[in-house]
Amino acid sequence: MGYNIGVRLIEDFLARSNVGRCHDFRETADVIAKVAFKMYLGITPTITNWSPAGDEFSLILENNPLVDFVELPDNHSNLIYSNMLCGVLRGALEMVRVYTTADVAVVRCCS
């Protein structure tokens, strides 16, 4: 579900954000954290844990806004709905030809 949201969200993001083409993966990470998360969720995650090759990083969310707006029924209390954010990132990035595997709080660049 998150992937499909990301595929559709990227057009809105590019139209509304007025950002240009990113020149490297570090710039892409900055745009994701400082522009996209701020625009859609009102937060700015911290970018940490860069791999030595510079093709992997972690986005740390100090406050998760999804927790404030999502109520789960008792029979679904183990659902990890925040993983949807990883799918959104993967879908949006693939639409701009950055191929990734998105794990919880980690995006690895595979381009």
PDB file of N, CA and C in Angstrom:
ATOM      1  N   MET A   1       0.823  -1.192   0.000  1.00  0.00           N
ATOM      2  CA  MET A   1       0.000   0.000   0.000  1.00  0.00           C
ATOM      3  C   MET A   1       0.870   1.259   0.000  1.00  0.00           C
ATOM      4  N   GLY A   2       1.935   1.278   0.805  1.00  0.00           N
ATOM      5  CA  GLY A   2       2.813   2.440   0.845  1.00  0.00           C
ATOM      6  C   GLY A   2       3.486   2.701  -0.489  1.00  0.00           C
ATOM      7  N   TYR A   3       3.901   1.617  -1.143  1.00  0.00           N
ATOM      8  CA  TYR A   3       4.551   1.748  -2.447  1.00  0.00           C
ATOM      9  C   TYR A   3       3.631   2.473  -3.431  1.00  0.00           C
ATOM     10  N   ASN A   4       2.380   2.070  -3.487  1.00  0.00           N
ATOM     11  CA  ASN A   4       1.425   2.697  -4.408  1.00  0.00           C
ATOM     12  C   ASN A   4       1.200   4.169  -4.057  1.00  0.00           C
ATOM     13  N   ILE A   5       1.205   4.496  -2.794  1.00  0.00           N
ATOM     14  CA  ILE A   5       1.074   5.897  -2.377  1.00  0.00           C
ATOM     15  C   ILE A   5       2.274   6.691  -2.882  1.00  0.00           C
ATOM     16  N   GLY A   6       3.475   6.139  -2.712  1.00  0.00           N
ATOM     17  CA  GLY A   6       4.687   6.819  -3.163  1.00  0.00           C
ATOM     18  C   GLY A   6       4.719   7.053  -4.655  1.00  0.00           C
ATOM     19  N   VAL A   7       4.253   6.053  -5.414  1.00  0.00           N
ATOM     20  CA  VAL A   7       4.211   6.175  -6.876  1.00  0.00           C
ATOM     21  C   VAL A   7       3.343   7.363  -7.283  1.00  0.00           C
ATOM     22  N   ARG A   8       2.244   7.567  -6.572  1.00  0.00           N
ATOM     23  CA  ARG A   8       1.335   8.666  -6.908  1.00  0.00           C
ATOM     24  C   ARG A   8       1.761   9.989  -6.285  1.00  0.00           C
ATOM     25  N   LEU A   9       2.413   9.918  -5.148  1.00  0.00           N
ATOM     26  CA  LEU A   9       2.773  11.122  -4.393  1.00  0.00           C
ATOM     27  C   LEU A   9       3.911  11.913  -5.040  1.00  0.00           C
ATOM     28  N   ILE A  10       4.780  11.244  -5.777  1.00  0.00           N
ATOM     29  CA  ILE A  10       5.963  11.917  -6.310  1.00  0.00           C
ATOM     30  C   ILE A  10       5.599  13.055  -7.265  1.00  0.00           C
ATOM     31  N   GLU A  11       4.555  12.881  -8.042  1.00  0.00           N
ATOM     32  CA  GLU A  11       4.157  13.956  -8.962  1.00  0.00           C
ATOM     33  C   GLU A  11       3.731  15.200  -8.191  1.00  0.00           C
ATOM     34  N   ASP A  12       2.953  15.002  -7.135  1.00  0.00           N
ATOM     35  CA  ASP A  12       2.531  16.122  -6.298  1.00  0.00           C
ATOM     36  C   ASP A  12       3.740  16.780  -5.640  1.00  0.00           C
ATOM     37  N   PHE A  13       4.652  15.950  -5.143  1.00  0.00           N
ATOM     38  CA  PHE A  13       5.847  16.483  -4.487  1.00  0.00           C
ATOM     39  C   PHE A  13       6.671  17.323  -5.446  1.00  0.00           C
ATOM     40  N   LEU A  14       6.935  16.818  -6.631  1.00  0.00           N
ATOM     41  CA  LEU A  14       7.752  17.556  -7.600  1.00  0.00           C
ATOM     42  C   LEU A  14       7.071  18.851  -8.040  1.00  0.00           C
ATOM     43  N   ALA A  15       5.758  18.826  -8.183  1.00  0.00           N
ATOM     44  CA  ALA A  15       5.029  20.028  -8.600  1.00  0.00           C
ATOM     45  C   ALA A  15       5.004  21.085  -7.498  1.00  0.00           C
ATOM     46  N   ARG A  16       4.839  20.661  -6.248  1.00  0.00           N
ATOM     47  CA  ARG A  16       4.684  21.607  -5.147  1.00  0.00           C
ATOM     48  C   ARG A  16       6.004  22.039  -4.511  1.00  0.00           C
ATOM     49  N   SER A  17       7.025  21.193  -4.554  1.00  0.00           N
ATOM     50  CA  SER A  17       8.262  21.500  -3.820  1.00  0.00           C
ATOM     51  C   SER A  17       9.206  22.409  -4.585  1.00  0.00           C
ATOM     52  N   ASN A  18       9.131  22.388  -5.911  1.00  0.00           N
ATOM     53  CA  ASN A  18      10.004  23.218  -6.730  1.00  0.00           C
ATOM     54  C   ASN A  18      11.483  22.885  -6.542  1.00  0.00           C
ATOM     55  N   VAL A  19      11.797  21.615  -6.221  1.00  0.00           N
ATOM     56  CA  VAL A  19      13.192  21.208  -6.099  1.00  0.00           C
ATOM     57  C   VAL A  19      13.699  20.776  -7.465  1.00  0.00           C
ATOM     58  N   GLY A  20      14.981  20.978  -7.689  1.00  0.00           N
ATOM     59  CA  GLY A  20      15.594  20.550  -8.940  1.00  0.00           C
ATOM     60  C   GLY A  20      16.117  19.140  -8.817  1.00  0.00           C
ATOM     61  N   ARG A  21      16.838  18.731  -9.817  1.00  0.00           N
ATOM     62  CA  ARG A  21      17.425  17.391  -9.841  1.00  0.00           C
ATOM     63  C   ARG A  21      18.528  17.286  -8.792  1.00  0.00           C
ATOM     64  N   CYS A  22      18.537  16.186  -8.039  1.00  0.00           N
ATOM     65  CA  CYS A  22      19.587  15.941  -7.051  1.00  0.00           C
ATOM     66  C   CYS A  22      20.830  15.417  -7.766  1.00  0.00           C
ATOM     67  N   HIS A  23      21.992  15.842  -7.319  1.00  0.00           N
ATOM     68  CA  HIS A  23      23.239  15.462  -7.971  1.00  0.00           C
ATOM     69  C   HIS A  23      23.870  14.215  -7.388  1.00  0.00           C
ATOM     70  N   ASP A  24      23.528  13.872  -6.147  1.00  0.00           N
ATOM     71  CA  ASP A  24      24.063  12.660  -5.535  1.00  0.00           C
ATOM     72  C   ASP A  24      23.074  12.140  -4.488  1.00  0.00           C
ATOM     73  N   PHE A  25      23.390  10.976  -3.931  1.00  0.00           N
ATOM     74  CA  PHE A  25      22.473  10.326  -3.000  1.00  0.00           C
ATOM     75  C   PHE A  25      22.367  11.098  -1.681  1.00  0.00           C
ATOM     76  N   ARG A  26      23.432  11.789  -1.279  1.00  0.00           N
ATOM     77  CA  ARG A  26      23.372  12.607  -0.057  1.00  0.00           C
ATOM     78  C   ARG A  26      22.385  13.771  -0.230  1.00  0.00           C
ATOM     79  N   GLU A  27      22.394  14.377  -1.379  1.00  0.00           N
ATOM     80  CA  GLU A  27      21.440  15.453  -1.644  1.00  0.00           C
ATOM     81  C   GLU A  27      20.011  14.896  -1.678  1.00  0.00           C
ATOM     82  N   THR A  28      19.852  13.705  -2.238  1.00  0.00           N
ATOM     83  CA  THR A  28      18.547  13.055  -2.246  1.00  0.00           C
ATOM     84  C   THR A  28      18.056  12.827  -0.820  1.00  0.00           C
ATOM     85  N   ALA A  29      18.935  12.364   0.050  1.00  0.00           N
ATOM     86  CA  ALA A  29      18.574  12.138   1.453  1.00  0.00           C
ATOM     87  C   ALA A  29      18.143  13.441   2.113  1.00  0.00           C
ATOM     88  N   ASP A  30      18.872  14.522   1.847  1.00  0.00           N
ATOM     89  CA  ASP A  30      18.507  15.824   2.414  1.00  0.00           C
ATOM     90  C   ASP A  30      17.124  16.281   1.949  1.00  0.00           C
ATOM     91  N   VAL A  31      16.838  16.109   0.676  1.00  0.00           N
ATOM     92  CA  VAL A  31      15.537  16.523   0.152  1.00  0.00           C
ATOM     93  C   VAL A  31      14.427  15.678   0.780  1.00  0.00           C
ATOM     94  N   ILE A  32      14.655  14.387   0.914  1.00  0.00           N
ATOM     95  CA  ILE A  32      13.656  13.517   1.536  1.00  0.00           C
ATOM     96  C   ILE A  32      13.372  13.978   2.964  1.00  0.00           C
ATOM     97  N   ALA A  33      14.434  14.173   3.736  1.00  0.00           N
ATOM     98  CA  ALA A  33      14.265  14.510   5.154  1.00  0.00           C
ATOM     99  C   ALA A  33      13.770  15.933   5.371  1.00  0.00           C
ATOM    100  N   LYS A  34      14.392  16.884   4.698  1.00  0.00           N
ATOM    101  CA  LYS A  34      14.121  18.292   4.999  1.00  0.00           C
ATOM    102  C   LYS A  34      12.960  18.894   4.220  1.00  0.00           C
ATOM    103  N   VAL A  35      12.612  18.303   3.076  1.00  0.00           N
ATOM    104  CA  VAL A  35      11.527  18.863   2.275  1.00  0.00           C
ATOM    105  C   VAL A  35      10.302  17.943   2.302  1.00  0.00           C
ATOM    106  N   ALA A  36      10.478  16.695   1.891  1.00  0.00           N
ATOM    107  CA  ALA A  36       9.325  15.795   1.741  1.00  0.00           C
ATOM    108  C   ALA A  36       8.658  15.474   3.078  1.00  0.00           C
ATOM    109  N   PHE A  37       9.435  15.035   4.060  1.00  0.00           N
ATOM    110  CA  PHE A  37       8.832  14.718   5.355  1.00  0.00           C
ATOM    111  C   PHE A  37       8.204  15.954   5.985  1.00  0.00           C
ATOM    112  N   LYS A  38       8.859  17.094   5.844  1.00  0.00           N
ATOM    113  CA  LYS A  38       8.312  18.338   6.388  1.00  0.00           C
ATOM    114  C   LYS A  38       7.004  18.708   5.682  1.00  0.00           C
ATOM    115  N   MET A  39       6.980  18.556   4.372  1.00  0.00           N
ATOM    116  CA  MET A  39       5.814  18.930   3.583  1.00  0.00           C
ATOM    117  C   MET A  39       4.597  18.055   3.899  1.00  0.00           C
ATOM    118  N   TYR A  40       4.810  16.756   4.018  1.00  0.00           N
ATOM    119  CA  TYR A  40       3.674  15.845   4.149  1.00  0.00           C
ATOM    120  C   TYR A  40       3.373  15.411   5.574  1.00  0.00           C
ATOM    121  N   LEU A  41       4.369  15.381   6.442  1.00  0.00           N
ATOM    122  CA  LEU A  41       4.136  14.914   7.811  1.00  0.00           C
ATOM    123  C   LEU A  41       4.456  15.960   8.876  1.00  0.00           C
ATOM    124  N   GLY A  42       5.045  17.079   8.463  1.00  0.00           N
ATOM    125  CA  GLY A  42       5.342  18.146   9.409  1.00  0.00           C
ATOM    126  C   GLY A  42       6.495  17.851  10.339  1.00  0.00           C
ATOM    127  N   ILE A  43       7.370  16.922   9.960  1.00  0.00           N
ATOM    128  CA  ILE A  43       8.537  16.578  10.784  1.00  0.00           C
ATOM    129  C   ILE A  43       9.781  16.582   9.911  1.00  0.00           C
ATOM    130  N   THR A  44      10.935  16.651  10.550  1.00  0.00           N
ATOM    131  CA  THR A  44      12.206  16.556   9.838  1.00  0.00           C
ATOM    132  C   THR A  44      13.041  15.466  10.494  1.00  0.00           C
ATOM    133  N   PRO A  45      13.111  14.288   9.867  1.00  0.00           N
ATOM    134  CA  PRO A  45      13.919  13.211  10.448  1.00  0.00           C
ATOM    135  C   PRO A  45      15.404  13.542  10.399  1.00  0.00           C
ATOM    136  N   THR A  46      16.154  12.886  11.261  1.00  0.00           N
ATOM    137  CA  THR A  46      17.603  13.013  11.279  1.00  0.00           C
ATOM    138  C   THR A  46      18.194  11.971  10.331  1.00  0.00           C
ATOM    139  N   ILE A  47      19.163  12.383   9.539  1.00  0.00           N
ATOM    140  CA  ILE A  47      19.845  11.467   8.626  1.00  0.00           C
ATOM    141  C   ILE A  47      21.119  11.005   9.318  1.00  0.00           C
ATOM    142  N   THR A  48      21.252   9.690   9.530  1.00  0.00           N
ATOM    143  CA  THR A  48      22.425   9.143  10.215  1.00  0.00           C
ATOM    144  C   THR A  48      22.860   7.837   9.561  1.00  0.00           C
ATOM    145  N   ASN A  49      23.906   7.269  10.112  1.00  0.00           N
ATOM    146  CA  ASN A  49      24.384   5.923   9.759  1.00  0.00           C
ATOM    147  C   ASN A  49      24.683   5.754   8.270  1.00  0.00           C
ATOM    148  N   TRP A  50      25.373   6.719   7.692  1.00  0.00           N
ATOM    149  CA  TRP A  50      25.767   6.570   6.295  1.00  0.00           C
ATOM    150  C   TRP A  50      26.736   5.410   6.168  1.00  0.00           C
ATOM    151  N   SER A  51      26.557   4.600   5.165  1.00  0.00           N
ATOM    152  CA  SER A  51      27.488   3.504   4.902  1.00  0.00           C
ATOM    153  C   SER A  51      28.776   4.097   4.342  1.00  0.00           C
ATOM    154  N   PRO A  52      29.891   3.375   4.461  1.00  0.00           N
ATOM    155  CA  PRO A  52      31.155   3.876   3.896  1.00  0.00           C
ATOM    156  C   PRO A  52      31.071   4.163   2.397  1.00  0.00           C
ATOM    157  N   ALA A  53      30.255   3.400   1.696  1.00  0.00           N
ATOM    158  CA  ALA A  53      30.116   3.608   0.245  1.00  0.00           C
ATOM    159  C   ALA A  53      29.188   4.774  -0.081  1.00  0.00           C
ATOM    160  N   GLY A  54      28.477   5.284   0.927  1.00  0.00           N
ATOM    161  CA  GLY A  54      27.570   6.399   0.702  1.00  0.00           C
ATOM    162  C   GLY A  54      26.292   6.017  -0.016  1.00  0.00           C
ATOM    163  N   ASP A  55      25.927   4.725   0.030  1.00  0.00           N
ATOM    164  CA  ASP A  55      24.726   4.266  -0.661  1.00  0.00           C
ATOM    165  C   ASP A  55      23.656   3.738   0.295  1.00  0.00           C
ATOM    166  N   GLU A  56      23.814   4.036   1.577  1.00  0.00           N
ATOM    167  CA  GLU A  56      22.850   3.582   2.578  1.00  0.00           C
ATOM    168  C   GLU A  56      22.842   4.565   3.739  1.00  0.00           C
ATOM    169  N   PHE A  57      21.658   4.851   4.253  1.00  0.00           N
ATOM    170  CA  PHE A  57      21.548   5.750   5.393  1.00  0.00           C
ATOM    171  C   PHE A  57      20.300   5.413   6.192  1.00  0.00           C
ATOM    172  N   SER A  58      20.201   5.981   7.374  1.00  0.00           N
ATOM    173  CA  SER A  58      19.022   5.802   8.219  1.00  0.00           C
ATOM    174  C   SER A  58      18.328   7.141   8.394  1.00  0.00           C
ATOM    175  N   LEU A  59      17.017   7.118   8.386  1.00  0.00           N
ATOM    176  CA  LEU A  59      16.203   8.275   8.731  1.00  0.00           C
ATOM    177  C   LEU A  59      15.606   7.986  10.101  1.00  0.00           C
ATOM    178  N   ILE A  60      15.935   8.804  11.074  1.00  0.00           N
ATOM    179  CA  ILE A  60      15.449   8.612  12.436  1.00  0.00           C
ATOM    180  C   ILE A  60      14.331   9.611  12.699  1.00  0.00           C
ATOM    181  N   LEU A  61      13.148   9.092  13.018  1.00  0.00           N
ATOM    182  CA  LEU A  61      12.007   9.933  13.343  1.00  0.00           C
ATOM    183  C   LEU A  61      11.895  10.035  14.859  1.00  0.00           C
ATOM    184  N   GLU A  62      12.160  11.206  15.397  1.00  0.00           N
ATOM    185  CA  GLU A  62      12.046  11.412  16.847  1.00  0.00           C
ATOM    186  C   GLU A  62      10.586  11.330  17.271  1.00  0.00           C
ATOM    187  N   ASN A  63       9.712  11.909  16.480  1.00  0.00           N
ATOM    188  CA  ASN A  63       8.275  11.862  16.731  1.00  0.00           C
ATOM    189  C   ASN A  63       7.608  11.320  15.487  1.00  0.00           C
ATOM    190  N   ASN A  64       6.807  10.298  15.656  1.00  0.00           N
ATOM    191  CA  ASN A  64       6.116   9.702  14.526  1.00  0.00           C
ATOM    192  C   ASN A  64       4.682  10.215  14.505  1.00  0.00           C
ATOM    193  N   PRO A  65       4.340  11.072  13.551  1.00  0.00           N
ATOM    194  CA  PRO A  65       2.987  11.622  13.507  1.00  0.00           C
ATOM    195  C   PRO A  65       1.917  10.573  13.242  1.00  0.00           C
ATOM    196  N   LEU A  66       2.281   9.450  12.652  1.00  0.00           N
ATOM    197  CA  LEU A  66       1.290   8.404  12.419  1.00  0.00           C
ATOM    198  C   LEU A  66       0.746   7.853  13.729  1.00  0.00           C
ATOM    199  N   VAL A  67       1.542   7.885  14.774  1.00  0.00           N
ATOM    200  CA  VAL A  67       1.098   7.395  16.075  1.00  0.00           C
ATOM    201  C   VAL A  67      -0.044   8.261  16.607  1.00  0.00           C
ATOM    202  N   ASP A  68       0.007   9.551  16.319  1.00  0.00           N
ATOM    203  CA  ASP A  68      -1.015  10.471  16.811  1.00  0.00           C
ATOM    204  C   ASP A  68      -2.353  10.321  16.100  1.00  0.00           C
ATOM    205  N   PHE A  69      -2.344   9.865  14.858  1.00  0.00           N
ATOM    206  CA  PHE A  69      -3.551   9.871  14.052  1.00  0.00           C
ATOM    207  C   PHE A  69      -4.113   8.490  13.724  1.00  0.00           C
ATOM    208  N   VAL A  70      -3.457   7.439  14.194  1.00  0.00           N
ATOM    209  CA  VAL A  70      -3.910   6.087  13.871  1.00  0.00           C
ATOM    210  C   VAL A  70      -4.327   5.373  15.148  1.00  0.00           C
ATOM    211  N   GLU A  71      -5.545   4.873  15.146  1.00  0.00           N
ATOM    212  CA  GLU A  71      -6.021   4.045  16.244  1.00  0.00           C
ATOM    213  C   GLU A  71      -6.273   2.651  15.690  1.00  0.00           C
ATOM    214  N   LEU A  72      -5.647   1.670  16.316  1.00  0.00           N
ATOM    215  CA  LEU A  72      -5.791   0.294  15.854  1.00  0.00           C
ATOM    216  C   LEU A  72      -6.755  -0.471  16.747  1.00  0.00           C
ATOM    217  N   PRO A  73      -7.569  -1.325  16.159  1.00  0.00           N
ATOM    218  CA  PRO A  73      -8.415  -2.188  16.978  1.00  0.00           C
ATOM    219  C   PRO A  73      -7.546  -3.145  17.794  1.00  0.00           C
ATOM    220  N   ASP A  74      -8.052  -3.610  18.892  1.00  0.00           N
ATOM    221  CA  ASP A  74      -7.281  -4.500  19.766  1.00  0.00           C
ATOM    222  C   ASP A  74      -6.770  -5.739  19.047  1.00  0.00           C
ATOM    223  N   ASN A  75      -7.558  -6.285  18.128  1.00  0.00           N
ATOM    224  CA  ASN A  75      -7.132  -7.499  17.432  1.00  0.00           C
ATOM    225  C   ASN A  75      -6.045  -7.237  16.383  1.00  0.00           C
ATOM    226  N   HIS A  76      -5.684  -5.972  16.160  1.00  0.00           N
ATOM    227  CA  HIS A  76      -4.603  -5.618  15.230  1.00  0.00           C
ATOM    228  C   HIS A  76      -3.508  -4.813  15.926  1.00  0.00           C
ATOM    229  N   SER A  77      -3.351  -4.980  17.213  1.00  0.00           N
ATOM    230  CA  SER A  77      -2.391  -4.174  17.970  1.00  0.00           C
ATOM    231  C   SER A  77      -0.940  -4.453  17.589  1.00  0.00           C
ATOM    232  N   ASN A  78      -0.656  -5.596  16.949  1.00  0.00           N
ATOM    233  CA  ASN A  78       0.717  -5.918  16.533  1.00  0.00           C
ATOM    234  C   ASN A  78       1.062  -5.402  15.139  1.00  0.00           C
ATOM    235  N   LEU A  79       0.118  -4.745  14.480  1.00  0.00           N
ATOM    236  CA  LEU A  79       0.346  -4.229  13.137  1.00  0.00           C
ATOM    237  C   LEU A  79       1.387  -3.111  13.163  1.00  0.00           C
ATOM    238  N   ILE A  80       2.397  -3.213  12.326  1.00  0.00           N
ATOM    239  CA  ILE A  80       3.457  -2.206  12.259  1.00  0.00           C
ATOM    240  C   ILE A  80       3.162  -1.316  11.058  1.00  0.00           C
ATOM    241  N   TYR A  81       2.205  -0.412  11.218  1.00  0.00           N
ATOM    242  CA  TYR A  81       1.743   0.418  10.118  1.00  0.00           C
ATOM    243  C   TYR A  81       2.761   1.468   9.699  1.00  0.00           C
ATOM    244  N   SER A  82       3.727   1.791  10.539  1.00  0.00           N
ATOM    245  CA  SER A  82       4.735   2.784  10.163  1.00  0.00           C
ATOM    246  C   SER A  82       5.645   2.279   9.055  1.00  0.00           C
ATOM    247  N   ASN A  83       5.685   0.980   8.837  1.00  0.00           N
ATOM    248  CA  ASN A  83       6.470   0.444   7.723  1.00  0.00           C
ATOM    249  C   ASN A  83       5.946   0.949   6.387  1.00  0.00           C
ATOM    250  N   MET A  84       4.727   1.449   6.372  1.00  0.00           N
ATOM    251  CA  MET A  84       4.168   2.001   5.148  1.00  0.00           C
ATOM    252  C   MET A  84       5.040   3.152   4.634  1.00  0.00           C
ATOM    253  N   LEU A  85       5.677   3.894   5.534  1.00  0.00           N
ATOM    254  CA  LEU A  85       6.554   4.997   5.119  1.00  0.00           C
ATOM    255  C   LEU A  85       7.698   4.497   4.245  1.00  0.00           C
ATOM    256  N   CYS A  86       8.215   3.315   4.555  1.00  0.00           N
ATOM    257  CA  CYS A  86       9.285   2.751   3.723  1.00  0.00           C
ATOM    258  C   CYS A  86       8.792   2.470   2.316  1.00  0.00           C
ATOM    259  N   GLY A  87       7.575   1.959   2.208  1.00  0.00           N
ATOM    260  CA  GLY A  87       6.996   1.719   0.893  1.00  0.00           C
ATOM    261  C   GLY A  87       6.762   3.004   0.125  1.00  0.00           C
ATOM    262  N   VAL A  88       6.330   4.043   0.823  1.00  0.00           N
ATOM    263  CA  VAL A  88       6.130   5.347   0.181  1.00  0.00           C
ATOM    264  C   VAL A  88       7.455   5.845  -0.381  1.00  0.00           C
ATOM    265  N   LEU A  89       8.516   5.764   0.416  1.00  0.00           N
ATOM    266  CA  LEU A  89       9.843   6.190  -0.059  1.00  0.00           C
ATOM    267  C   LEU A  89      10.274   5.389  -1.279  1.00  0.00           C
ATOM    268  N   ARG A  90      10.123   4.069  -1.202  1.00  0.00           N
ATOM    269  CA  ARG A  90      10.549   3.227  -2.317  1.00  0.00           C
ATOM    270  C   ARG A  90       9.770   3.561  -3.586  1.00  0.00           C
ATOM    271  N   GLY A  91       8.451   3.685  -3.483  1.00  0.00           N
ATOM    272  CA  GLY A  91       7.629   3.992  -4.656  1.00  0.00           C
ATOM    273  C   GLY A  91       7.975   5.334  -5.273  1.00  0.00           C
ATOM    274  N   ALA A  92       8.143   6.354  -4.431  1.00  0.00           N
ATOM    275  CA  ALA A  92       8.457   7.692  -4.929  1.00  0.00           C
ATOM    276  C   ALA A  92       9.844   7.725  -5.577  1.00  0.00           C
ATOM    277  N   LEU A  93      10.817   7.098  -4.935  1.00  0.00           N
ATOM    278  CA  LEU A  93      12.171   7.108  -5.478  1.00  0.00           C
ATOM    279  C   LEU A  93      12.272   6.341  -6.798  1.00  0.00           C
ATOM    280  N   GLU A  94      11.558   5.241  -6.901  1.00  0.00           N
ATOM    281  CA  GLU A  94      11.597   4.489  -8.161  1.00  0.00           C
ATOM    282  C   GLU A  94      11.018   5.294  -9.319  1.00  0.00           C
ATOM    283  N   MET A  95      10.080   6.160  -9.036  1.00  0.00           N
ATOM    284  CA  MET A  95       9.497   6.990 -10.086  1.00  0.00           C
ATOM    285  C   MET A  95      10.484   8.036 -10.600  1.00  0.00           C
ATOM    286  N   VAL A  96      11.515   8.344  -9.828  1.00  0.00           N
ATOM    287  CA  VAL A  96      12.564   9.256 -10.297  1.00  0.00           C
ATOM    288  C   VAL A  96      13.862   8.490 -10.566  1.00  0.00           C
ATOM    289  N   ARG A  97      13.699   7.192 -10.799  1.00  0.00           N
ATOM    290  CA  ARG A  97      14.782   6.291 -11.206  1.00  0.00           C
ATOM    291  C   ARG A  97      15.899   6.133 -10.184  1.00  0.00           C
ATOM    292  N   VAL A  98      15.542   6.147  -8.917  1.00  0.00           N
ATOM    293  CA  VAL A  98      16.467   5.753  -7.855  1.00  0.00           C
ATOM    294  C   VAL A  98      15.893   4.458  -7.308  1.00  0.00           C
ATOM    295  N   TYR A  99      16.542   3.348  -7.587  1.00  0.00           N
ATOM    296  CA  TYR A  99      16.025   2.042  -7.201  1.00  0.00           C
ATOM    297  C   TYR A  99      16.582   1.665  -5.840  1.00  0.00           C
ATOM    298  N   THR A 100      15.687   1.319  -4.954  1.00  0.00           N
ATOM    299  CA  THR A 100      16.055   1.099  -3.562  1.00  0.00           C
ATOM    300  C   THR A 100      15.417  -0.165  -3.022  1.00  0.00           C
ATOM    301  N   THR A 101      15.943  -0.586  -1.887  1.00  0.00           N
ATOM    302  CA  THR A 101      15.227  -1.518  -1.035  1.00  0.00           C
ATOM    303  C   THR A 101      14.977  -0.722   0.219  1.00  0.00           C
ATOM    304  N   ALA A 102      13.766  -0.641   0.657  1.00  0.00           N
ATOM    305  CA  ALA A 102      13.440   0.167   1.828  1.00  0.00           C
ATOM    306  C   ALA A 102      13.113  -0.754   2.993  1.00  0.00           C
ATOM    307  N   ASP A 103      13.883  -0.634   4.055  1.00  0.00           N
ATOM    308  CA  ASP A 103      13.653  -1.371   5.288  1.00  0.00           C
ATOM    309  C   ASP A 103      13.191  -0.374   6.337  1.00  0.00           C
ATOM    310  N   VAL A 104      12.840  -0.866   7.485  1.00  0.00           N
ATOM    311  CA  VAL A 104      12.411   0.034   8.555  1.00  0.00           C
ATOM    312  C   VAL A 104      13.540   1.012   8.845  1.00  0.00           C
ATOM    313  N   ALA A 105      13.288   2.288   8.620  1.00  0.00           N
ATOM    314  CA  ALA A 105      14.198   3.395   8.900  1.00  0.00           C
ATOM    315  C   ALA A 105      15.476   3.361   8.080  1.00  0.00           C
ATOM    316  N   VAL A 106      15.571   2.502   7.068  1.00  0.00           N
ATOM    317  CA  VAL A 106      16.781   2.447   6.257  1.00  0.00           C
ATOM    318  C   VAL A 106      16.391   2.433   4.783  1.00  0.00           C
ATOM    319  N   VAL A 107      17.058   3.257   4.001  1.00  0.00           N
ATOM    320  CA  VAL A 107      16.891   3.208   2.546  1.00  0.00           C
ATOM    321  C   VAL A 107      18.261   2.922   1.969  1.00  0.00           C
ATOM    322  N   ARG A 108      18.354   1.872   1.170  1.00  0.00           N
ATOM    323  CA  ARG A 108      19.609   1.524   0.512  1.00  0.00           C
ATOM    324  C   ARG A 108      19.485   1.855  -0.965  1.00  0.00           C
ATOM    325  N   CYS A 109      20.469   2.533  -1.481  1.00  0.00           N
ATOM    326  CA  CYS A 109      20.450   2.891  -2.898  1.00  0.00           C
ATOM    327  C   CYS A 109      21.006   1.736  -3.722  1.00  0.00           C
ATOM    328  N   CYS A 110      20.269   1.351  -4.708  1.00  0.00           N
ATOM    329  CA  CYS A 110      20.680   0.225  -5.566  1.00  0.00           C
ATOM    330  C   CYS A 110      20.794   0.649  -7.023  1.00  0.00           C
ATOM    331  N   SER A 111      21.011   1.909  -7.293  1.00  0.00           N
ATOM    332  CA  SER A 111      20.986   2.355  -8.695  1.00  0.00           C
ATOM    333  C   SER A 111      22.241   2.069  -9.415  1.00  0.00           C
TER     334      SER A 111
END
